[in-house]
Amino acid sequence: MKISRTNFGMALALASAGLVVAPAQAQTNCGLRDIVVKRLESGYGEGLAAGGLHSDSQVLEVWAAPKTGTWTVLITSADGRTCVLASGTDWHQKDLALIQLGVPG
């Protein structure tokens, strides 16, 4: 069966529309920090790779597994609630000592 470009484009647009979820309906991937961290360590072999203060009440962290290349970005609130913002594969890391920081004066 041959599909025309127009029909393929329309099918792709309709399929993509099904992937968009309204914020009120979006399912959050959050939990207590201790539980989320244990899952990353035991289930994926990930460890803390980087992190920093996102705001006065939130910490942003990147967890990664050098052996498998998986990575996860977490945000943790002061109340201990941790949410997964993103995750993926093919993690690579640069040595910060090799990066020239700032602008020469």
PDB file of N, CA and C in Angstrom:
ATOM      1  N   MET A   1       0.847  -1.178   0.000  1.00  0.00           N
ATOM      2  CA  MET A   1       0.000   0.000   0.000  1.00  0.00           C
ATOM      3  C   MET A   1       0.888   1.236   0.000  1.00  0.00           C
ATOM      4  N   LYS A   2       0.605   2.128  -0.908  1.00  0.00           N
ATOM      5  CA  LYS A   2       1.395   3.332  -1.039  1.00  0.00           C
ATOM      6  C   LYS A   2       0.685   4.496  -0.338  1.00  0.00           C
ATOM      7  N   ILE A   3       1.426   5.258   0.469  1.00  0.00           N
ATOM      8  CA  ILE A   3       0.856   6.387   1.208  1.00  0.00           C
ATOM      9  C   ILE A   3       1.385   7.679   0.592  1.00  0.00           C
ATOM     10  N   SER A   4       0.474   8.587   0.286  1.00  0.00           N
ATOM     11  CA  SER A   4       0.903   9.858  -0.293  1.00  0.00           C
ATOM     12  C   SER A   4       1.571  10.710   0.770  1.00  0.00           C
ATOM     13  N   ARG A   5       2.361  11.692   0.364  1.00  0.00           N
ATOM     14  CA  ARG A   5       3.049  12.588   1.287  1.00  0.00           C
ATOM     15  C   ARG A   5       2.045  13.357   2.131  1.00  0.00           C
ATOM     16  N   THR A   6       0.931  13.761   1.531  1.00  0.00           N
ATOM     17  CA  THR A   6      -0.082  14.517   2.266  1.00  0.00           C
ATOM     18  C   THR A   6      -0.686  13.658   3.364  1.00  0.00           C
ATOM     19  N   ASN A   7      -1.055  12.429   3.039  1.00  0.00           N
ATOM     20  CA  ASN A   7      -1.638  11.526   4.031  1.00  0.00           C
ATOM     21  C   ASN A   7      -0.627  11.176   5.121  1.00  0.00           C
ATOM     22  N   PHE A   8       0.613  10.985   4.729  1.00  0.00           N
ATOM     23  CA  PHE A   8       1.661  10.668   5.710  1.00  0.00           C
ATOM     24  C   PHE A   8       1.850  11.846   6.659  1.00  0.00           C
ATOM     25  N   GLY A   9       1.900  13.071   6.118  1.00  0.00           N
ATOM     26  CA  GLY A   9       2.057  14.268   6.949  1.00  0.00           C
ATOM     27  C   GLY A   9       0.905  14.433   7.916  1.00  0.00           C
ATOM     28  N   MET A  10      -0.312  14.179   7.433  1.00  0.00           N
ATOM     29  CA  MET A  10      -1.488  14.303   8.298  1.00  0.00           C
ATOM     30  C   MET A  10      -1.455  13.236   9.393  1.00  0.00           C
ATOM     31  N   ALA A  11      -1.080  12.025   9.046  1.00  0.00           N
ATOM     32  CA  ALA A  11      -1.002  10.944  10.037  1.00  0.00           C
ATOM     33  C   ALA A  11       0.055  11.256  11.087  1.00  0.00           C
ATOM     34  N   LEU A  12       1.178  11.790  10.635  1.00  0.00           N
ATOM     35  CA  LEU A  12       2.249  12.163  11.560  1.00  0.00           C
ATOM     36  C   LEU A  12       1.789  13.277  12.495  1.00  0.00           C
ATOM     37  N   ALA A  13       1.082  14.262  11.961  1.00  0.00           N
ATOM     38  CA  ALA A  13       0.578  15.371  12.780  1.00  0.00           C
ATOM     39  C   ALA A  13      -0.425  14.867  13.808  1.00  0.00           C
ATOM     40  N   LEU A  14      -1.317  13.969  13.407  1.00  0.00           N
ATOM     41  CA  LEU A  14      -2.301  13.427  14.338  1.00  0.00           C
ATOM     42  C   LEU A  14      -1.645  12.566  15.417  1.00  0.00           C
ATOM     43  N   ALA A  15      -0.657  11.791  15.027  1.00  0.00           N
ATOM     44  CA  ALA A  15       0.052  10.967  16.011  1.00  0.00           C
ATOM     45  C   ALA A  15       0.799  11.847  17.002  1.00  0.00           C
ATOM     46  N   SER A  16       1.419  12.908  16.504  1.00  0.00           N
ATOM     47  CA  SER A  16       2.148  13.829  17.380  1.00  0.00           C
ATOM     48  C   SER A  16       1.199  14.543  18.322  1.00  0.00           C
ATOM     49  N   ALA A  17       0.021  14.893  17.849  1.00  0.00           N
ATOM     50  CA  ALA A  17      -0.957  15.579  18.693  1.00  0.00           C
ATOM     51  C   ALA A  17      -1.335  14.714  19.883  1.00  0.00           C
ATOM     52  N   GLY A  18      -1.330  13.416  19.704  1.00  0.00           N
ATOM     53  CA  GLY A  18      -1.649  12.513  20.801  1.00  0.00           C
ATOM     54  C   GLY A  18      -0.578  12.488  21.871  1.00  0.00           C
ATOM     55  N   LEU A  19       0.615  12.937  21.535  1.00  0.00           N
ATOM     56  CA  LEU A  19       1.711  12.954  22.497  1.00  0.00           C
ATOM     57  C   LEU A  19       1.704  14.203  23.363  1.00  0.00           C
ATOM     58  N   VAL A  20       0.975  15.220  22.966  1.00  0.00           N
ATOM     59  CA  VAL A  20       0.923  16.466  23.720  1.00  0.00           C
ATOM     60  C   VAL A  20      -0.109  16.325  24.828  1.00  0.00           C
ATOM     61  N   VAL A  21       0.309  16.616  26.050  1.00  0.00           N
ATOM     62  CA  VAL A  21      -0.577  16.504  27.198  1.00  0.00           C
ATOM     63  C   VAL A  21      -0.674  17.866  27.862  1.00  0.00           C
ATOM     64  N   ALA A  22      -1.878  18.265  28.208  1.00  0.00           N
ATOM     65  CA  ALA A  22      -2.071  19.529  28.899  1.00  0.00           C
ATOM     66  C   ALA A  22      -1.391  19.458  30.255  1.00  0.00           C
ATOM     67  N   PRO A  23      -0.818  20.578  30.730  1.00  0.00           N
ATOM     68  CA  PRO A  23      -0.114  20.571  32.008  1.00  0.00           C
ATOM     69  C   PRO A  23      -0.939  20.005  33.167  1.00  0.00           C
ATOM     70  N   ALA A  24      -2.215  20.271  33.210  1.00  0.00           N
ATOM     71  CA  ALA A  24      -3.055  19.771  34.298  1.00  0.00           C
ATOM     72  C   ALA A  24      -3.170  18.251  34.237  1.00  0.00           C
ATOM     73  N   GLN A  25      -3.004  17.677  33.052  1.00  0.00           N
ATOM     74  CA  GLN A  25      -3.129  16.234  32.894  1.00  0.00           C
ATOM     75  C   GLN A  25      -1.776  15.531  32.911  1.00  0.00           C
ATOM     76  N   ALA A  26      -0.702  16.290  32.848  1.00  0.00           N
ATOM     77  CA  ALA A  26       0.627  15.698  32.766  1.00  0.00           C
ATOM     78  C   ALA A  26       0.918  14.880  34.026  1.00  0.00           C
ATOM     79  N   GLN A  27       1.466  13.705  33.828  1.00  0.00           N
ATOM     80  CA  GLN A  27       1.803  12.855  34.949  1.00  0.00           C
ATOM     81  C   GLN A  27       3.208  13.212  35.409  1.00  0.00           C
ATOM     82  N   THR A  28       3.350  13.538  36.682  1.00  0.00           N
ATOM     83  CA  THR A  28       4.667  13.905  37.186  1.00  0.00           C
ATOM     84  C   THR A  28       5.426  12.663  37.593  1.00  0.00           C
ATOM     85  N   ASN A  29       6.727  12.725  37.452  1.00  0.00           N
ATOM     86  CA  ASN A  29       7.604  11.635  37.813  1.00  0.00           C
ATOM     87  C   ASN A  29       8.425  12.097  39.010  1.00  0.00           C
ATOM     88  N   CYS A  30       7.764  12.159  40.173  1.00  0.00           N
ATOM     89  CA  CYS A  30       8.370  12.697  41.381  1.00  0.00           C
ATOM     90  C   CYS A  30       8.251  11.702  42.528  1.00  0.00           C
ATOM     91  N   GLY A  31       9.102  11.900  43.531  1.00  0.00           N
ATOM     92  CA  GLY A  31       9.049  11.071  44.727  1.00  0.00           C
ATOM     93  C   GLY A  31      10.012  11.607  45.757  1.00  0.00           C
ATOM     94  N   LEU A  32      10.129  10.905  46.862  1.00  0.00           N
ATOM     95  CA  LEU A  32      11.095  11.298  47.882  1.00  0.00           C
ATOM     96  C   LEU A  32      12.504  11.087  47.346  1.00  0.00           C
ATOM     97  N   ARG A  33      13.390  12.018  47.636  1.00  0.00           N
ATOM     98  CA  ARG A  33      14.736  11.982  47.072  1.00  0.00           C
ATOM     99  C   ARG A  33      15.443  10.659  47.344  1.00  0.00           C
ATOM    100  N   ASP A  34      15.368  10.162  48.576  1.00  0.00           N
ATOM    101  CA  ASP A  34      16.045   8.917  48.923  1.00  0.00           C
ATOM    102  C   ASP A  34      15.604   7.759  48.028  1.00  0.00           C
ATOM    103  N   ILE A  35      14.321   7.692  47.741  1.00  0.00           N
ATOM    104  CA  ILE A  35      13.787   6.607  46.918  1.00  0.00           C
ATOM    105  C   ILE A  35      14.236   6.768  45.466  1.00  0.00           C
ATOM    106  N   VAL A  36      14.176   7.993  44.936  1.00  0.00           N
ATOM    107  CA  VAL A  36      14.586   8.243  43.550  1.00  0.00           C
ATOM    108  C   VAL A  36      16.073   7.934  43.382  1.00  0.00           C
ATOM    109  N   VAL A  37      16.904   8.380  44.313  1.00  0.00           N
ATOM    110  CA  VAL A  37      18.346   8.151  44.235  1.00  0.00           C
ATOM    111  C   VAL A  37      18.676   6.664  44.308  1.00  0.00           C
ATOM    112  N   LYS A  38      18.027   5.935  45.208  1.00  0.00           N
ATOM    113  CA  LYS A  38      18.270   4.484  45.301  1.00  0.00           C
ATOM    114  C   LYS A  38      17.932   3.794  43.987  1.00  0.00           C
ATOM    115  N   ARG A  39      16.853   4.235  43.339  1.00  0.00           N
ATOM    116  CA  ARG A  39      16.451   3.643  42.062  1.00  0.00           C
ATOM    117  C   ARG A  39      17.497   3.925  40.975  1.00  0.00           C
ATOM    118  N   LEU A  40      18.009   5.146  40.950  1.00  0.00           N
ATOM    119  CA  LEU A  40      19.031   5.481  39.952  1.00  0.00           C
ATOM    120  C   LEU A  40      20.313   4.683  40.190  1.00  0.00           C
ATOM    121  N   GLU A  41      20.693   4.534  41.450  1.00  0.00           N
ATOM    122  CA  GLU A  41      21.927   3.814  41.782  1.00  0.00           C
ATOM    123  C   GLU A  41      21.791   2.316  41.522  1.00  0.00           C
ATOM    124  N   SER A  42      20.716   1.714  42.026  1.00  0.00           N
ATOM    125  CA  SER A  42      20.582   0.257  41.913  1.00  0.00           C
ATOM    126  C   SER A  42      20.015  -0.191  40.563  1.00  0.00           C
ATOM    127  N   GLY A  43      19.099   0.573  40.015  1.00  0.00           N
ATOM    128  CA  GLY A  43      18.462   0.165  38.765  1.00  0.00           C
ATOM    129  C   GLY A  43      19.235   0.536  37.521  1.00  0.00           C
ATOM    130  N   TYR A  44      19.970   1.641  37.585  1.00  0.00           N
ATOM    131  CA  TYR A  44      20.661   2.127  36.388  1.00  0.00           C
ATOM    132  C   TYR A  44      22.162   2.276  36.562  1.00  0.00           C
ATOM    133  N   GLY A  45      22.659   2.097  37.776  1.00  0.00           N
ATOM    134  CA  GLY A  45      24.090   2.237  38.027  1.00  0.00           C
ATOM    135  C   GLY A  45      24.561   3.670  37.907  1.00  0.00           C
ATOM    136  N   GLU A  46      23.651   4.621  38.098  1.00  0.00           N
ATOM    137  CA  GLU A  46      24.001   6.028  37.962  1.00  0.00           C
ATOM    138  C   GLU A  46      24.495   6.600  39.291  1.00  0.00           C
ATOM    139  N   GLY A  47      25.364   7.576  39.174  1.00  0.00           N
ATOM    140  CA  GLY A  47      25.882   8.295  40.331  1.00  0.00           C
ATOM    141  C   GLY A  47      25.853   9.785  40.039  1.00  0.00           C
ATOM    142  N   LEU A  48      25.977  10.579  41.085  1.00  0.00           N
ATOM    143  CA  LEU A  48      25.945  12.027  40.923  1.00  0.00           C
ATOM    144  C   LEU A  48      27.136  12.485  40.082  1.00  0.00           C
ATOM    145  N   ALA A  49      26.855  13.148  38.961  1.00  0.00           N
ATOM    146  CA  ALA A  49      27.896  13.618  38.055  1.00  0.00           C
ATOM    147  C   ALA A  49      28.105  15.120  38.169  1.00  0.00           C
ATOM    148  N   ALA A  50      27.038  15.858  38.464  1.00  0.00           N
ATOM    149  CA  ALA A  50      27.127  17.320  38.549  1.00  0.00           C
ATOM    150  C   ALA A  50      25.881  17.847  39.236  1.00  0.00           C
ATOM    151  N   GLY A  51      25.962  19.067  39.699  1.00  0.00           N
ATOM    152  CA  GLY A  51      24.792  19.657  40.324  1.00  0.00           C
ATOM    153  C   GLY A  51      25.046  21.095  40.712  1.00  0.00           C
ATOM    154  N   GLY A  52      23.988  21.763  41.092  1.00  0.00           N
ATOM    155  CA  GLY A  52      24.105  23.146  41.512  1.00  0.00           C
ATOM    156  C   GLY A  52      22.782  23.672  42.026  1.00  0.00           C
ATOM    157  N   LEU A  53      22.852  24.825  42.637  1.00  0.00           N
ATOM    158  CA  LEU A  53      21.668  25.474  43.166  1.00  0.00           C
ATOM    159  C   LEU A  53      20.882  26.090  42.017  1.00  0.00           C
ATOM    160  N   HIS A  54      19.611  25.737  41.921  1.00  0.00           N
ATOM    161  CA  HIS A  54      18.751  26.262  40.864  1.00  0.00           C
ATOM    162  C   HIS A  54      18.040  27.531  41.338  1.00  0.00           C
ATOM    163  N   SER A  55      17.668  27.540  42.592  1.00  0.00           N
ATOM    164  CA  SER A  55      17.028  28.704  43.201  1.00  0.00           C
ATOM    165  C   SER A  55      17.284  28.616  44.703  1.00  0.00           C
ATOM    166  N   ASP A  56      16.683  29.504  45.459  1.00  0.00           N
ATOM    167  CA  ASP A  56      16.860  29.458  46.909  1.00  0.00           C
ATOM    168  C   ASP A  56      16.325  28.178  47.530  1.00  0.00           C
ATOM    169  N   SER A  57      15.427  27.508  46.822  1.00  0.00           N
ATOM    170  CA  SER A  57      14.789  26.335  47.407  1.00  0.00           C
ATOM    171  C   SER A  57      14.857  25.085  46.534  1.00  0.00           C
ATOM    172  N   GLN A  58      15.707  25.088  45.493  1.00  0.00           N
ATOM    173  CA  GLN A  58      15.794  23.928  44.611  1.00  0.00           C
ATOM    174  C   GLN A  58      17.231  23.642  44.206  1.00  0.00           C
ATOM    175  N   VAL A  59      17.539  22.353  44.133  1.00  0.00           N
ATOM    176  CA  VAL A  59      18.845  21.884  43.683  1.00  0.00           C
ATOM    177  C   VAL A  59      18.648  21.088  42.397  1.00  0.00           C
ATOM    178  N   LEU A  60      19.471  21.367  41.395  1.00  0.00           N
ATOM    179  CA  LEU A  60      19.448  20.642  40.125  1.00  0.00           C
ATOM    180  C   LEU A  60      20.630  19.685  40.127  1.00  0.00           C
ATOM    181  N   GLU A  61      20.402  18.430  39.746  1.00  0.00           N
ATOM    182  CA  GLU A  61      21.468  17.430  39.708  1.00  0.00           C
ATOM    183  C   GLU A  61      21.423  16.651  38.397  1.00  0.00           C
ATOM    184  N   VAL A  62      22.597  16.249  37.954  1.00  0.00           N
ATOM    185  CA  VAL A  62      22.717  15.334  36.816  1.00  0.00           C
ATOM    186  C   VAL A  62      23.340  14.052  37.351  1.00  0.00           C
ATOM    187  N   TRP A  63      22.643  12.959  37.147  1.00  0.00           N
ATOM    188  CA  TRP A  63      23.138  11.643  37.520  1.00  0.00           C
ATOM    189  C   TRP A  63      23.489  10.906  36.238  1.00  0.00           C
ATOM    190  N   ALA A  64      24.577  10.151  36.238  1.00  0.00           N
ATOM    191  CA  ALA A  64      25.003   9.474  35.014  1.00  0.00           C
ATOM    192  C   ALA A  64      25.700   8.155  35.341  1.00  0.00           C
ATOM    193  N   ALA A  65      25.695   7.265  34.364  1.00  0.00           N
ATOM    194  CA  ALA A  65      26.375   5.978  34.460  1.00  0.00           C
ATOM    195  C   ALA A  65      27.388   5.892  33.329  1.00  0.00           C
ATOM    196  N   PRO A  66      28.669   6.105  33.626  1.00  0.00           N
ATOM    197  CA  PRO A  66      29.684   6.058  32.578  1.00  0.00           C
ATOM    198  C   PRO A  66      29.730   4.735  31.810  1.00  0.00           C
ATOM    199  N   LYS A  67      29.433   3.618  32.489  1.00  0.00           N
ATOM    200  CA  LYS A  67      29.506   2.304  31.822  1.00  0.00           C
ATOM    201  C   LYS A  67      28.418   2.121  30.773  1.00  0.00           C
ATOM    202  N   THR A  68      27.196   2.546  31.091  1.00  0.00           N
ATOM    203  CA  THR A  68      26.075   2.330  30.174  1.00  0.00           C
ATOM    204  C   THR A  68      25.714   3.577  29.375  1.00  0.00           C
ATOM    205  N   GLY A  69      26.125   4.752  29.864  1.00  0.00           N
ATOM    206  CA  GLY A  69      25.835   5.997  29.166  1.00  0.00           C
ATOM    207  C   GLY A  69      24.477   6.601  29.485  1.00  0.00           C
ATOM    208  N   THR A  70      23.724   6.007  30.432  1.00  0.00           N
ATOM    209  CA  THR A  70      22.441   6.607  30.783  1.00  0.00           C
ATOM    210  C   THR A  70      22.659   7.828  31.668  1.00  0.00           C
ATOM    211  N   TRP A  71      21.706   8.761  31.634  1.00  0.00           N
ATOM    212  CA  TRP A  71      21.785   9.967  32.471  1.00  0.00           C
ATOM    213  C   TRP A  71      20.381  10.417  32.840  1.00  0.00           C
ATOM    214  N   THR A  72      20.300  11.125  33.965  1.00  0.00           N
ATOM    215  CA  THR A  72      19.031  11.619  34.477  1.00  0.00           C
ATOM    216  C   THR A  72      19.245  12.995  35.090  1.00  0.00           C
ATOM    217  N   VAL A  73      18.354  13.926  34.803  1.00  0.00           N
ATOM    218  CA  VAL A  73      18.394  15.258  35.405  1.00  0.00           C
ATOM    219  C   VAL A  73      17.277  15.332  36.439  1.00  0.00           C
ATOM    220  N   LEU A  74      17.656  15.684  37.670  1.00  0.00           N
ATOM    221  CA  LEU A  74      16.701  15.776  38.781  1.00  0.00           C
ATOM    222  C   LEU A  74      16.628  17.204  39.293  1.00  0.00           C
ATOM    223  N   ILE A  75      15.492  17.550  39.857  1.00  0.00           N
ATOM    224  CA  ILE A  75      15.359  18.799  40.601  1.00  0.00           C
ATOM    225  C   ILE A  75      14.728  18.430  41.938  1.00  0.00           C
ATOM    226  N   THR A  76      15.350  18.913  43.007  1.00  0.00           N
ATOM    227  CA  THR A  76      14.879  18.596  44.353  1.00  0.00           C
ATOM    228  C   THR A  76      14.514  19.872  45.076  1.00  0.00           C
ATOM    229  N   SER A  77      13.324  19.877  45.656  1.00  0.00           N
ATOM    230  CA  SER A  77      12.845  21.020  46.437  1.00  0.00           C
ATOM    231  C   SER A  77      13.306  20.876  47.884  1.00  0.00           C
ATOM    232  N   ALA A  78      13.211  21.968  48.626  1.00  0.00           N
ATOM    233  CA  ALA A  78      13.632  21.987  50.030  1.00  0.00           C
ATOM    234  C   ALA A  78      12.862  20.974  50.871  1.00  0.00           C
ATOM    235  N   ASP A  79      11.658  20.604  50.451  1.00  0.00           N
ATOM    236  CA  ASP A  79      10.853  19.642  51.207  1.00  0.00           C
ATOM    237  C   ASP A  79      11.256  18.190  50.941  1.00  0.00           C
ATOM    238  N   GLY A  80      12.278  17.976  50.092  1.00  0.00           N
ATOM    239  CA  GLY A  80      12.766  16.628  49.806  1.00  0.00           C
ATOM    240  C   GLY A  80      12.100  15.949  48.631  1.00  0.00           C
ATOM    241  N   ARG A  81      11.184  16.633  47.978  1.00  0.00           N
ATOM    242  CA  ARG A  81      10.524  16.067  46.799  1.00  0.00           C
ATOM    243  C   ARG A  81      11.448  16.222  45.594  1.00  0.00           C
ATOM    244  N   THR A  82      11.691  15.118  44.912  1.00  0.00           N
ATOM    245  CA  THR A  82      12.575  15.097  43.748  1.00  0.00           C
ATOM    246  C   THR A  82      11.777  14.721  42.515  1.00  0.00           C
ATOM    247  N   CYS A  83      11.989  15.457  41.431  1.00  0.00           N
ATOM    248  CA  CYS A  83      11.317  15.178  40.163  1.00  0.00           C
ATOM    249  C   CYS A  83      12.347  14.946  39.068  1.00  0.00           C
ATOM    250  N   VAL A  84      12.056  14.009  38.185  1.00  0.00           N
ATOM    251  CA  VAL A  84      12.903  13.743  37.016  1.00  0.00           C
ATOM    252  C   VAL A  84      12.493  14.730  35.937  1.00  0.00           C
ATOM    253  N   LEU A  85      13.444  15.562  35.507  1.00  0.00           N
ATOM    254  CA  LEU A  85      13.178  16.532  34.444  1.00  0.00           C
ATOM    255  C   LEU A  85      13.448  15.951  33.065  1.00  0.00           C
ATOM    256  N   ALA A  86      14.478  15.106  32.977  1.00  0.00           N
ATOM    257  CA  ALA A  86      14.856  14.526  31.685  1.00  0.00           C
ATOM    258  C   ALA A  86      15.743  13.315  31.939  1.00  0.00           C
ATOM    259  N   SER A  87      15.811  12.432  30.950  1.00  0.00           N
ATOM    260  CA  SER A  87      16.720  11.294  31.024  1.00  0.00           C
ATOM    261  C   SER A  87      17.052  10.870  29.605  1.00  0.00           C
ATOM    262  N   GLY A  88      18.151  10.146  29.476  1.00  0.00           N
ATOM    263  CA  GLY A  88      18.538   9.735  28.134  1.00  0.00           C
ATOM    264  C   GLY A  88      19.724   8.802  28.139  1.00  0.00           C
ATOM    265  N   THR A  89      20.366   8.719  26.982  1.00  0.00           N
ATOM    266  CA  THR A  89      21.504   7.815  26.793  1.00  0.00           C
ATOM    267  C   THR A  89      22.667   8.575  26.182  1.00  0.00           C
ATOM    268  N   ASP A  90      23.761   7.875  26.014  1.00  0.00           N
ATOM    269  CA  ASP A  90      24.971   8.381  25.368  1.00  0.00           C
ATOM    270  C   ASP A  90      25.599   9.553  26.128  1.00  0.00           C
ATOM    271  N   TRP A  91      25.628   9.454  27.441  1.00  0.00           N
ATOM    272  CA  TRP A  91      26.235  10.484  28.284  1.00  0.00           C
ATOM    273  C   TRP A  91      27.721  10.602  27.976  1.00  0.00           C
ATOM    274  N   HIS A  92      28.201  11.815  27.893  1.00  0.00           N
ATOM    275  CA  HIS A  92      29.632  12.076  27.795  1.00  0.00           C
ATOM    276  C   HIS A  92      29.931  13.296  28.659  1.00  0.00           C
ATOM    277  N   GLN A  93      31.135  13.355  29.158  1.00  0.00           N
ATOM    278  CA  GLN A  93      31.477  14.411  30.101  1.00  0.00           C
ATOM    279  C   GLN A  93      32.811  15.022  29.726  1.00  0.00           C
ATOM    280  N   LYS A  94      32.902  16.316  29.885  1.00  0.00           N
ATOM    281  CA  LYS A  94      34.152  17.028  29.625  1.00  0.00           C
ATOM    282  C   LYS A  94      34.874  17.265  30.943  1.00  0.00           C
ATOM    283  N   ASP A  95      36.175  17.321  30.888  1.00  0.00           N
ATOM    284  CA  ASP A  95      36.972  17.652  32.055  1.00  0.00           C
ATOM    285  C   ASP A  95      36.950  19.170  32.211  1.00  0.00           C
ATOM    286  N   LEU A  96      36.324  19.658  33.266  1.00  0.00           N
ATOM    287  CA  LEU A  96      36.186  21.098  33.454  1.00  0.00           C
ATOM    288  C   LEU A  96      37.530  21.803  33.557  1.00  0.00           C
ATOM    289  N   ALA A  97      38.568  21.092  33.979  1.00  0.00           N
ATOM    290  CA  ALA A  97      39.891  21.700  34.083  1.00  0.00           C
ATOM    291  C   ALA A  97      40.433  22.097  32.706  1.00  0.00           C
ATOM    292  N   LEU A  98      39.929  21.473  31.660  1.00  0.00           N
ATOM    293  CA  LEU A  98      40.392  21.769  30.308  1.00  0.00           C
ATOM    294  C   LEU A  98      39.623  22.888  29.631  1.00  0.00           C
ATOM    295  N   ILE A  99      38.529  23.331  30.264  1.00  0.00           N
ATOM    296  CA  ILE A  99      37.697  24.377  29.673  1.00  0.00           C
ATOM    297  C   ILE A  99      38.169  25.730  30.178  1.00  0.00           C
ATOM    298  N   GLN A 100      38.412  26.647  29.248  1.00  0.00           N
ATOM    299  CA  GLN A 100      38.823  27.998  29.618  1.00  0.00           C
ATOM    300  C   GLN A 100      37.598  28.747  30.116  1.00  0.00           C
ATOM    301  N   LEU A 101      37.649  29.202  31.358  1.00  0.00           N
ATOM    302  CA  LEU A 101      36.522  29.891  31.958  1.00  0.00           C
ATOM    303  C   LEU A 101      36.672  31.398  31.837  1.00  0.00           C
ATOM    304  N   GLY A 102      35.564  32.068  31.676  1.00  0.00           N
ATOM    305  CA  GLY A 102      35.569  33.527  31.660  1.00  0.00           C
ATOM    306  C   GLY A 102      36.044  34.110  30.346  1.00  0.00           C
ATOM    307  N   VAL A 103      36.079  35.403  30.320  1.00  0.00           N
ATOM    308  CA  VAL A 103      36.529  36.136  29.148  1.00  0.00           C
ATOM    309  C   VAL A 103      37.856  36.804  29.479  1.00  0.00           C
ATOM    310  N   PRO A 104      38.877  36.575  28.642  1.00  0.00           N
ATOM    311  CA  PRO A 104      40.176  37.204  28.924  1.00  0.00           C
ATOM    312  C   PRO A 104      40.031  38.723  29.025  1.00  0.00           C
ATOM    313  N   GLY A 105      40.726  39.342  29.992  1.00  0.00           N
ATOM    314  CA  GLY A 105      40.583  40.783  30.208  1.00  0.00           C
ATOM    315  C   GLY A 105      41.632  41.626  29.662  1.00  0.00           C
TER     316      GLY A 105
END
